[in-house]
């Protein structure tokens, strides 16, 4: 992950939100299921 890319875990569900924060813009990169295909989103960053 780059230094501007962050991850937020969703409570009670096995999902995470991968997002990038650039100034006033937030871009959602992926919403991965944390138990299936780990790391599939990494080439997107």
C-alpha atoms as a PDB file:
ATOM      1  CA  UNK A   1       0.000   0.000   0.000  1.00  0.00           C
ATOM      2  CA  UNK A   2       1.165   3.496  -0.661  1.00  0.00           C
ATOM      3  CA  UNK A   3       1.412   6.015   2.158  1.00  0.00           C
ATOM      4  CA  UNK A   4      -1.908   7.611   1.109  1.00  0.00           C
ATOM      5  CA  UNK A   5      -3.816   4.314   0.903  1.00  0.00           C
ATOM      6  CA  UNK A   6      -5.608   3.155   4.028  1.00  0.00           C
ATOM      7  CA  UNK A   7      -7.793   0.289   5.206  1.00  0.00           C
ATOM      8  CA  UNK A   8     -10.865   0.402   7.396  1.00  0.00           C
ATOM      9  CA  UNK A   9     -12.408  -2.815   8.736  1.00  0.00           C
ATOM     10  CA  UNK A  10     -16.178  -3.188   8.901  1.00  0.00           C
ATOM     11  CA  UNK A  11     -17.489  -4.325  12.296  1.00  0.00           C
ATOM     12  CA  UNK A  12     -19.543  -7.561  12.362  1.00  0.00           C
ATOM     13  CA  UNK A  13     -18.826  -8.333   8.700  1.00  0.00           C
ATOM     14  CA  UNK A  14     -15.717  -9.854   7.088  1.00  0.00           C
ATOM     15  CA  UNK A  15     -15.157  -6.881   4.782  1.00  0.00           C
ATOM     16  CA  UNK A  16     -12.672  -4.070   4.629  1.00  0.00           C
ATOM     17  CA  UNK A  17     -12.673  -0.791   2.744  1.00  0.00           C
ATOM     18  CA  UNK A  18      -9.447   0.145   0.963  1.00  0.00           C
ATOM     19  CA  UNK A  19      -9.377   3.845   0.145  1.00  0.00           C
ATOM     20  CA  UNK A  20      -6.960   6.551  -0.921  1.00  0.00           C
ATOM     21  CA  UNK A  21      -7.010  10.062   0.531  1.00  0.00           C
ATOM     22  CA  UNK A  22      -5.645  12.834  -1.715  1.00  0.00           C
ATOM     23  CA  UNK A  23      -6.311  16.297  -0.345  1.00  0.00           C
ATOM     24  CA  UNK A  24     -10.086  16.793  -0.488  1.00  0.00           C
ATOM     25  CA  UNK A  25     -10.760  13.613  -2.481  1.00  0.00           C
ATOM     26  CA  UNK A  26     -11.394  10.112  -1.133  1.00  0.00           C
ATOM     27  CA  UNK A  27     -11.266   7.289  -3.688  1.00  0.00           C
ATOM     28  CA  UNK A  28     -12.512   3.816  -2.760  1.00  0.00           C
ATOM     29  CA  UNK A  29     -10.082   1.318  -4.289  1.00  0.00           C
ATOM     30  CA  UNK A  30     -11.732  -1.934  -3.163  1.00  0.00           C
ATOM     31  CA  UNK A  31     -14.221  -3.457  -0.741  1.00  0.00           C
ATOM     32  CA  UNK A  32     -12.699  -6.918  -0.292  1.00  0.00           C
ATOM     33  CA  UNK A  33     -14.068  -9.914   1.557  1.00  0.00           C
ATOM     34  CA  UNK A  34     -11.278 -10.605   4.050  1.00  0.00           C
ATOM     35  CA  UNK A  35     -11.492 -14.416   3.889  1.00  0.00           C
ATOM     36  CA  UNK A  36     -11.563 -14.863   0.105  1.00  0.00           C
ATOM     37  CA  UNK A  37      -8.723 -14.152  -2.343  1.00  0.00           C
ATOM     38  CA  UNK A  38      -6.548 -12.155   0.071  1.00  0.00           C
ATOM     39  CA  UNK A  39      -4.557  -9.384  -1.557  1.00  0.00           C
ATOM     40  CA  UNK A  40      -6.381  -9.377  -4.916  1.00  0.00           C
ATOM     41  CA  UNK A  41      -6.771  -5.616  -4.654  1.00  0.00           C
ATOM     42  CA  UNK A  42      -3.053  -4.827  -4.207  1.00  0.00           C
ATOM     43  CA  UNK A  43      -2.295  -4.374  -7.952  1.00  0.00           C
ATOM     44  CA  UNK A  44      -4.927  -1.583  -7.989  1.00  0.00           C
ATOM     45  CA  UNK A  45      -2.871   0.609  -5.671  1.00  0.00           C
END
